[in-house]
Amino acid sequence: MTKQQYVTIKGTKDGLVLRLDDKCAYSDMIAELRRKVEEDGLEGLAEVQVHTGSRYCNEEELREIMNAIHDSPNLRVSKIQSDVITMEECNRKVLENQSETYIGIVRSGQVVQAEGDLVVIGDVNPNGRVVAAGSIYVLGRLKGIAHAGSSGNTKAVIAASWLEATHLIIADKMETMTDELTILSEQPEMECAYLHPNGFIAIDRLQELRILRPGLSSFKGGS
């Protein structure tokens, strides 16, 4: 019977990836890590990325893992990656996945903000501003400023029944609506703005949103 490995090492072009079993006892994992480091048989210096998976490690345990690896003169930890998130990060993700609805006109000088997605049922007038950590959906004319993904969410989108915004901002990228872009707003189709993989804000018909951002939909079922 093959003995279960608590520590697996894989070579990549950027160095070594060291995965630590997150279900075994910590003492078993750290003991195996020390044994493998002692018999690494490497020449030269190798960068090591450590993946701890779903195991929570406190600062003392992280130091012990790093020291165990650094006992080898050939290994240096470049990064420690964990799938465990803090309560603060968890709460932020919950807020970002919620949506808030504003009914009415967003007037000039007014700012409407949301911690998650923002749905505006009404127009956003020139110099009015709508800001959301998630996506923004305007069921009306968007003539002012829209900032989606304000906390850094690059997958956020801006959608409107009639897109005439003066400025579109997604995460930290901003697009001033030039004459070339406002031509799109003369078409009757609903439109959406999203961050293109090349780093600029692109505009397309709203029908394309399900292809551009399939993860936005949480509805199950239908035919």
C-alpha atoms as a PDB file:
ATOM      1  CA  MET A   1       0.000   0.000   0.000  1.00  0.00           C
ATOM      2  CA  THR A   2       1.399   3.370  -1.027  1.00  0.00           C
ATOM      3  CA  LYS A   3       1.985   5.733   1.862  1.00  0.00           C
ATOM      4  CA  GLN A   4       0.099   9.011   1.569  1.00  0.00           C
ATOM      5  CA  GLN A   5       2.313  11.988   0.846  1.00  0.00           C
ATOM      6  CA  TYR A   6       1.752  15.043   3.002  1.00  0.00           C
ATOM      7  CA  VAL A   7       4.190  17.167   0.994  1.00  0.00           C
ATOM      8  CA  THR A   8       4.375  17.196  -2.808  1.00  0.00           C
ATOM      9  CA  ILE A   9       6.940  19.095  -4.850  1.00  0.00           C
ATOM     10  CA  LYS A  10       6.520  20.077  -8.500  1.00  0.00           C
ATOM     11  CA  GLY A  11       9.023  21.853 -10.711  1.00  0.00           C
ATOM     12  CA  THR A  12       7.924  24.787 -12.900  1.00  0.00           C
ATOM     13  CA  LYS A  13       9.743  27.299 -15.101  1.00  0.00           C
ATOM     14  CA  ASP A  14       9.548  29.776 -12.205  1.00  0.00           C
ATOM     15  CA  GLY A  15      10.947  27.389  -9.609  1.00  0.00           C
ATOM     16  CA  LEU A  16       9.387  24.827  -7.287  1.00  0.00           C
ATOM     17  CA  VAL A  17       5.769  24.592  -6.113  1.00  0.00           C
ATOM     18  CA  LEU A  18       5.475  22.908  -2.738  1.00  0.00           C
ATOM     19  CA  ARG A  19       1.955  21.771  -1.738  1.00  0.00           C
ATOM     20  CA  LEU A  20       1.220  20.921   1.876  1.00  0.00           C
ATOM     21  CA  ASP A  21      -1.602  18.517   2.723  1.00  0.00           C
ATOM     22  CA  ASP A  22      -4.310  20.489   4.538  1.00  0.00           C
ATOM     23  CA  LYS A  23      -6.153  17.500   6.081  1.00  0.00           C
ATOM     24  CA  CYS A  24      -3.387  15.658   7.948  1.00  0.00           C
ATOM     25  CA  ALA A  25      -2.061  16.579  11.380  1.00  0.00           C
ATOM     26  CA  TYR A  26       0.249  19.580  11.323  1.00  0.00           C
ATOM     27  CA  SER A  27       2.948  17.597  13.145  1.00  0.00           C
ATOM     28  CA  ASP A  28       2.915  14.884  10.446  1.00  0.00           C
ATOM     29  CA  MET A  29       3.127  17.460   7.666  1.00  0.00           C
ATOM     30  CA  ILE A  30       5.993  19.461   9.175  1.00  0.00           C
ATOM     31  CA  ALA A  31       7.941  16.251   9.955  1.00  0.00           C
ATOM     32  CA  GLU A  32       7.661  15.097   6.343  1.00  0.00           C
ATOM     33  CA  LEU A  33       8.576  18.577   5.103  1.00  0.00           C
ATOM     34  CA  ARG A  34      11.813  18.495   7.136  1.00  0.00           C
ATOM     35  CA  ARG A  35      12.681  15.033   5.779  1.00  0.00           C
ATOM     36  CA  LYS A  36      12.117  16.045   2.163  1.00  0.00           C
ATOM     37  CA  VAL A  37      14.106  19.240   2.532  1.00  0.00           C
ATOM     38  CA  GLU A  38      17.062  17.302   3.958  1.00  0.00           C
ATOM     39  CA  GLU A  39      17.155  15.001   0.916  1.00  0.00           C
ATOM     40  CA  ASP A  40      16.316  17.615  -1.783  1.00  0.00           C
ATOM     41  CA  GLY A  41      19.501  16.839  -3.775  1.00  0.00           C
ATOM     42  CA  LEU A  42      19.376  20.180  -5.606  1.00  0.00           C
ATOM     43  CA  GLU A  43      22.236  22.242  -6.951  1.00  0.00           C
ATOM     44  CA  GLY A  44      22.166  26.014  -7.012  1.00  0.00           C
ATOM     45  CA  LEU A  45      19.377  28.134  -5.559  1.00  0.00           C
ATOM     46  CA  ALA A  46      15.682  27.436  -6.266  1.00  0.00           C
ATOM     47  CA  GLU A  47      12.702  29.694  -5.532  1.00  0.00           C
ATOM     48  CA  VAL A  48       9.840  27.922  -3.731  1.00  0.00           C
ATOM     49  CA  GLN A  49       6.126  28.794  -3.776  1.00  0.00           C
ATOM     50  CA  VAL A  50       4.355  27.195  -0.823  1.00  0.00           C
ATOM     51  CA  HIS A  51       0.644  26.316  -1.073  1.00  0.00           C
ATOM     52  CA  THR A  52      -1.003  25.600   2.284  1.00  0.00           C
ATOM     53  CA  GLY A  53      -4.470  24.959   0.817  1.00  0.00           C
ATOM     54  CA  SER A  54      -7.345  25.176   3.306  1.00  0.00           C
ATOM     55  CA  ARG A  55      -5.101  24.750   6.357  1.00  0.00           C
ATOM     56  CA  TYR A  56      -5.067  27.778   8.645  1.00  0.00           C
ATOM     57  CA  CYS A  57      -1.531  28.535   9.785  1.00  0.00           C
ATOM     58  CA  ASN A  58      -0.772  31.134  12.427  1.00  0.00           C
ATOM     59  CA  GLU A  59       2.344  33.298  12.251  1.00  0.00           C
ATOM     60  CA  GLU A  60       4.403  30.887  14.368  1.00  0.00           C
ATOM     61  CA  GLU A  61       3.529  27.937  12.098  1.00  0.00           C
ATOM     62  CA  LEU A  62       4.287  29.936   8.952  1.00  0.00           C
ATOM     63  CA  ARG A  63       7.694  30.824  10.382  1.00  0.00           C
ATOM     64  CA  GLU A  64       8.309  27.166  11.200  1.00  0.00           C
ATOM     65  CA  ILE A  65       7.436  26.143   7.609  1.00  0.00           C
ATOM     66  CA  MET A  66       9.739  28.802   6.166  1.00  0.00           C
ATOM     67  CA  ASN A  67      12.585  27.896   8.549  1.00  0.00           C
ATOM     68  CA  ALA A  68      12.228  24.224   7.652  1.00  0.00           C
ATOM     69  CA  ILE A  69      12.585  25.035   3.967  1.00  0.00           C
ATOM     70  CA  HIS A  70      15.433  27.475   4.547  1.00  0.00           C
ATOM     71  CA  ASP A  71      17.353  24.732   6.362  1.00  0.00           C
ATOM     72  CA  SER A  72      18.317  23.722   2.846  1.00  0.00           C
ATOM     73  CA  PRO A  73      20.950  26.062   1.349  1.00  0.00           C
ATOM     74  CA  ASN A  74      19.361  25.435  -2.059  1.00  0.00           C
ATOM     75  CA  LEU A  75      15.807  26.595  -1.278  1.00  0.00           C
ATOM     76  CA  ARG A  76      14.309  30.021  -0.678  1.00  0.00           C
ATOM     77  CA  VAL A  77      10.604  30.755  -0.154  1.00  0.00           C
ATOM     78  CA  SER A  78       9.350  33.367  -2.603  1.00  0.00           C
ATOM     79  CA  LYS A  79       5.634  33.152  -1.794  1.00  0.00           C
ATOM     80  CA  ILE A  80       3.190  31.472   0.592  1.00  0.00           C
ATOM     81  CA  GLN A  81      -0.303  31.027  -0.823  1.00  0.00           C
ATOM     82  CA  SER A  82      -3.376  30.068   1.194  1.00  0.00           C
ATOM     83  CA  ASP A  83      -7.022  29.428   0.314  1.00  0.00           C
ATOM     84  CA  VAL A  84      -8.050  30.630   3.776  1.00  0.00           C
ATOM     85  CA  ILE A  85      -9.481  34.145   3.878  1.00  0.00           C
ATOM     86  CA  THR A  86      -9.910  36.433   6.873  1.00  0.00           C
ATOM     87  CA  MET A  87     -13.301  37.358   8.334  1.00  0.00           C
ATOM     88  CA  GLU A  88     -12.798  40.862   6.945  1.00  0.00           C
ATOM     89  CA  GLU A  89     -12.244  39.497   3.419  1.00  0.00           C
ATOM     90  CA  CYS A  90     -15.235  37.173   3.800  1.00  0.00           C
ATOM     91  CA  ASN A  91     -17.516  40.033   4.865  1.00  0.00           C
ATOM     92  CA  ARG A  92     -16.280  42.152   1.954  1.00  0.00           C
ATOM     93  CA  LYS A  93     -17.044  39.363  -0.524  1.00  0.00           C
ATOM     94  CA  VAL A  94     -20.544  38.933   0.936  1.00  0.00           C
ATOM     95  CA  LEU A  95     -21.217  42.662   0.557  1.00  0.00           C
ATOM     96  CA  GLU A  96     -19.879  42.700  -3.003  1.00  0.00           C
ATOM     97  CA  ASN A  97     -22.243  39.873  -3.963  1.00  0.00           C
ATOM     98  CA  GLN A  98     -25.288  41.738  -2.664  1.00  0.00           C
ATOM     99  CA  SER A  99     -27.219  44.307  -4.662  1.00  0.00           C
ATOM    100  CA  GLU A 100     -28.871  47.571  -3.706  1.00  0.00           C
ATOM    101  CA  THR A 101     -31.642  49.337  -5.615  1.00  0.00           C
ATOM    102  CA  TYR A 102     -32.097  53.096  -5.970  1.00  0.00           C
ATOM    103  CA  ILE A 103     -35.396  54.338  -7.407  1.00  0.00           C
ATOM    104  CA  GLY A 104     -35.436  57.893  -8.719  1.00  0.00           C
ATOM    105  CA  ILE A 105     -33.349  60.393 -10.621  1.00  0.00           C
ATOM    106  CA  VAL A 106     -29.700  60.833  -9.646  1.00  0.00           C
ATOM    107  CA  ARG A 107     -29.407  64.590  -9.986  1.00  0.00           C
ATOM    108  CA  SER A 108     -26.399  66.761 -10.821  1.00  0.00           C
ATOM    109  CA  GLY A 109     -23.934  66.757  -7.911  1.00  0.00           C
ATOM    110  CA  GLN A 110     -25.598  63.771  -6.236  1.00  0.00           C
ATOM    111  CA  VAL A 111     -23.619  60.605  -5.452  1.00  0.00           C
ATOM    112  CA  VAL A 112     -25.276  57.203  -5.005  1.00  0.00           C
ATOM    113  CA  GLN A 113     -23.015  54.440  -3.646  1.00  0.00           C
ATOM    114  CA  ALA A 114     -23.338  50.706  -3.004  1.00  0.00           C
ATOM    115  CA  GLU A 115     -21.111  48.109  -1.327  1.00  0.00           C
ATOM    116  CA  GLY A 116     -22.125  45.478  -3.911  1.00  0.00           C
ATOM    117  CA  ASP A 117     -24.042  45.759  -7.179  1.00  0.00           C
ATOM    118  CA  LEU A 118     -26.122  48.889  -7.758  1.00  0.00           C
ATOM    119  CA  VAL A 119     -29.420  48.949  -9.660  1.00  0.00           C
ATOM    120  CA  VAL A 120     -30.719  52.416 -10.541  1.00  0.00           C
ATOM    121  CA  ILE A 121     -34.331  52.620 -11.715  1.00  0.00           C
ATOM    122  CA  GLY A 122     -34.290  56.052 -13.252  1.00  0.00           C
ATOM    123  CA  ASP A 123     -31.926  58.420 -15.037  1.00  0.00           C
ATOM    124  CA  VAL A 124     -28.466  59.527 -13.951  1.00  0.00           C
ATOM    125  CA  ASN A 125     -28.241  63.187 -14.932  1.00  0.00           C
ATOM    126  CA  PRO A 126     -25.059  64.959 -16.123  1.00  0.00           C
ATOM    127  CA  ASN A 127     -22.641  65.436 -13.185  1.00  0.00           C
ATOM    128  CA  GLY A 128     -24.561  62.837 -11.196  1.00  0.00           C
ATOM    129  CA  ARG A 129     -22.347  59.979  -9.990  1.00  0.00           C
ATOM    130  CA  VAL A 130     -23.094  56.322  -9.291  1.00  0.00           C
ATOM    131  CA  VAL A 131     -20.432  54.227  -7.552  1.00  0.00           C
ATOM    132  CA  ALA A 132     -20.471  50.519  -6.718  1.00  0.00           C
ATOM    133  CA  ALA A 133     -17.961  47.921  -5.541  1.00  0.00           C
ATOM    134  CA  GLY A 134     -19.779  45.532  -7.887  1.00  0.00           C
ATOM    135  CA  SER A 135     -21.557  46.166 -11.180  1.00  0.00           C
ATOM    136  CA  ILE A 136     -23.905  49.030 -12.067  1.00  0.00           C
ATOM    137  CA  TYR A 137     -27.207  48.591 -13.908  1.00  0.00           C
ATOM    138  CA  VAL A 138     -29.163  51.689 -14.916  1.00  0.00           C
ATOM    139  CA  LEU A 139     -32.746  51.207 -16.070  1.00  0.00           C
ATOM    140  CA  GLY A 140     -32.832  54.595 -17.717  1.00  0.00           C
ATOM    141  CA  ARG A 141     -30.425  57.118 -19.258  1.00  0.00           C
ATOM    142  CA  LEU A 142     -26.900  57.138 -17.883  1.00  0.00           C
ATOM    143  CA  LYS A 143     -25.665  60.676 -18.640  1.00  0.00           C
ATOM    144  CA  GLY A 144     -23.344  61.259 -15.701  1.00  0.00           C
ATOM    145  CA  ILE A 145     -20.390  59.385 -14.198  1.00  0.00           C
ATOM    146  CA  ALA A 146     -20.402  55.662 -13.390  1.00  0.00           C
ATOM    147  CA  HIS A 147     -17.693  53.887 -11.391  1.00  0.00           C
ATOM    148  CA  ALA A 148     -18.074  50.113 -11.102  1.00  0.00           C
ATOM    149  CA  GLY A 149     -15.649  47.821  -9.283  1.00  0.00           C
ATOM    150  CA  SER A 150     -14.605  50.701  -7.040  1.00  0.00           C
ATOM    151  CA  SER A 151     -12.783  48.339  -4.654  1.00  0.00           C
ATOM    152  CA  GLY A 152     -10.757  46.804  -7.498  1.00  0.00           C
ATOM    153  CA  ASN A 153     -13.189  44.320  -9.064  1.00  0.00           C
ATOM    154  CA  THR A 154     -12.045  44.186 -12.702  1.00  0.00           C
ATOM    155  CA  LYS A 155     -14.932  41.869 -13.659  1.00  0.00           C
ATOM    156  CA  ALA A 156     -17.565  44.483 -12.810  1.00  0.00           C
ATOM    157  CA  VAL A 157     -19.659  45.929 -15.645  1.00  0.00           C
ATOM    158  CA  ILE A 158     -21.738  49.022 -16.334  1.00  0.00           C
ATOM    159  CA  ALA A 159     -25.022  48.501 -18.168  1.00  0.00           C
ATOM    160  CA  ALA A 160     -27.679  51.031 -19.114  1.00  0.00           C
ATOM    161  CA  SER A 161     -30.818  51.321 -21.188  1.00  0.00           C
ATOM    162  CA  TRP A 162     -29.268  54.375 -22.819  1.00  0.00           C
ATOM    163  CA  LEU A 163     -25.533  54.894 -22.412  1.00  0.00           C
ATOM    164  CA  GLU A 164     -24.543  58.570 -22.618  1.00  0.00           C
ATOM    165  CA  ALA A 165     -22.119  58.767 -19.691  1.00  0.00           C
ATOM    166  CA  THR A 166     -19.447  61.444 -19.611  1.00  0.00           C
ATOM    167  CA  HIS A 167     -17.034  59.146 -17.785  1.00  0.00           C
ATOM    168  CA  LEU A 168     -16.952  55.395 -17.321  1.00  0.00           C
ATOM    169  CA  ILE A 169     -14.668  53.922 -14.639  1.00  0.00           C
ATOM    170  CA  ILE A 170     -14.115  50.230 -13.927  1.00  0.00           C
ATOM    171  CA  ALA A 171     -11.696  49.412 -11.101  1.00  0.00           C
ATOM    172  CA  ASP A 172      -8.856  51.907 -11.744  1.00  0.00           C
ATOM    173  CA  LYS A 173      -9.416  52.343 -15.506  1.00  0.00           C
ATOM    174  CA  MET A 174     -11.280  55.396 -16.797  1.00  0.00           C
ATOM    175  CA  GLU A 175     -12.744  56.145 -20.216  1.00  0.00           C
ATOM    176  CA  THR A 176     -13.941  59.578 -21.260  1.00  0.00           C
ATOM    177  CA  MET A 177     -16.853  59.210 -23.649  1.00  0.00           C
ATOM    178  CA  THR A 178     -15.512  60.676 -26.876  1.00  0.00           C
ATOM    179  CA  ASP A 179     -17.548  61.410 -29.984  1.00  0.00           C
ATOM    180  CA  GLU A 180     -16.564  58.013 -31.359  1.00  0.00           C
ATOM    181  CA  LEU A 181     -17.962  56.215 -28.323  1.00  0.00           C
ATOM    182  CA  THR A 182     -21.114  58.289 -28.005  1.00  0.00           C
ATOM    183  CA  ILE A 183     -22.116  57.156 -31.500  1.00  0.00           C
ATOM    184  CA  LEU A 184     -22.982  53.843 -29.823  1.00  0.00           C
ATOM    185  CA  SER A 185     -25.472  55.639 -27.602  1.00  0.00           C
ATOM    186  CA  GLU A 186     -27.494  56.741 -30.633  1.00  0.00           C
ATOM    187  CA  GLN A 187     -28.483  53.136 -31.246  1.00  0.00           C
ATOM    188  CA  PRO A 188     -31.650  51.838 -29.578  1.00  0.00           C
ATOM    189  CA  GLU A 189     -30.039  48.671 -28.190  1.00  0.00           C
ATOM    190  CA  MET A 190     -29.128  48.529 -24.522  1.00  0.00           C
ATOM    191  CA  GLU A 191     -25.378  48.653 -23.962  1.00  0.00           C
ATOM    192  CA  CYS A 192     -22.765  47.607 -21.451  1.00  0.00           C
ATOM    193  CA  ALA A 193     -19.208  48.615 -20.668  1.00  0.00           C
ATOM    194  CA  TYR A 194     -16.589  46.173 -19.421  1.00  0.00           C
ATOM    195  CA  LEU A 195     -12.848  45.967 -18.912  1.00  0.00           C
ATOM    196  CA  HIS A 196     -11.253  44.331 -21.951  1.00  0.00           C
ATOM    197  CA  PRO A 197      -8.412  41.831 -21.331  1.00  0.00           C
ATOM    198  CA  ASN A 198      -6.074  44.315 -23.055  1.00  0.00           C
ATOM    199  CA  GLY A 199      -6.742  46.844 -20.290  1.00  0.00           C
ATOM    200  CA  PHE A 200      -9.156  49.336 -21.875  1.00  0.00           C
ATOM    201  CA  ILE A 201     -12.873  49.870 -21.324  1.00  0.00           C
ATOM    202  CA  ALA A 202     -14.933  48.470 -24.191  1.00  0.00           C
ATOM    203  CA  ILE A 203     -18.605  48.952 -25.012  1.00  0.00           C
ATOM    204  CA  ASP A 204     -20.881  46.343 -26.517  1.00  0.00           C
ATOM    205  CA  ARG A 205     -24.545  45.490 -26.828  1.00  0.00           C
ATOM    206  CA  LEU A 206     -26.135  44.237 -23.628  1.00  0.00           C
ATOM    207  CA  GLN A 207     -27.016  40.954 -25.326  1.00  0.00           C
ATOM    208  CA  GLU A 208     -23.290  40.111 -25.358  1.00  0.00           C
ATOM    209  CA  LEU A 209     -22.995  40.379 -21.576  1.00  0.00           C
ATOM    210  CA  ARG A 210     -23.904  36.726 -20.980  1.00  0.00           C
ATOM    211  CA  ILE A 211     -20.915  35.759 -23.138  1.00  0.00           C
ATOM    212  CA  LEU A 212     -18.534  38.414 -21.847  1.00  0.00           C
ATOM    213  CA  ARG A 213     -19.299  37.797 -18.159  1.00  0.00           C
ATOM    214  CA  PRO A 214     -21.027  34.409 -17.802  1.00  0.00           C
ATOM    215  CA  GLY A 215     -20.272  34.387 -14.084  1.00  0.00           C
ATOM    216  CA  LEU A 216     -22.599  37.345 -13.411  1.00  0.00           C
ATOM    217  CA  SER A 217     -25.702  35.185 -13.724  1.00  0.00           C
ATOM    218  CA  SER A 218     -26.734  33.175 -10.662  1.00  0.00           C
ATOM    219  CA  PHE A 219     -30.092  32.028 -12.025  1.00  0.00           C
ATOM    220  CA  LYS A 220     -30.483  28.257 -12.302  1.00  0.00           C
ATOM    221  CA  GLY A 221     -32.903  26.397 -14.518  1.00  0.00           C
ATOM    222  CA  GLY A 222     -34.913  27.506 -17.521  1.00  0.00           C
ATOM    223  CA  SER A 223     -34.779  26.194 -21.057  1.00  0.00           C
END
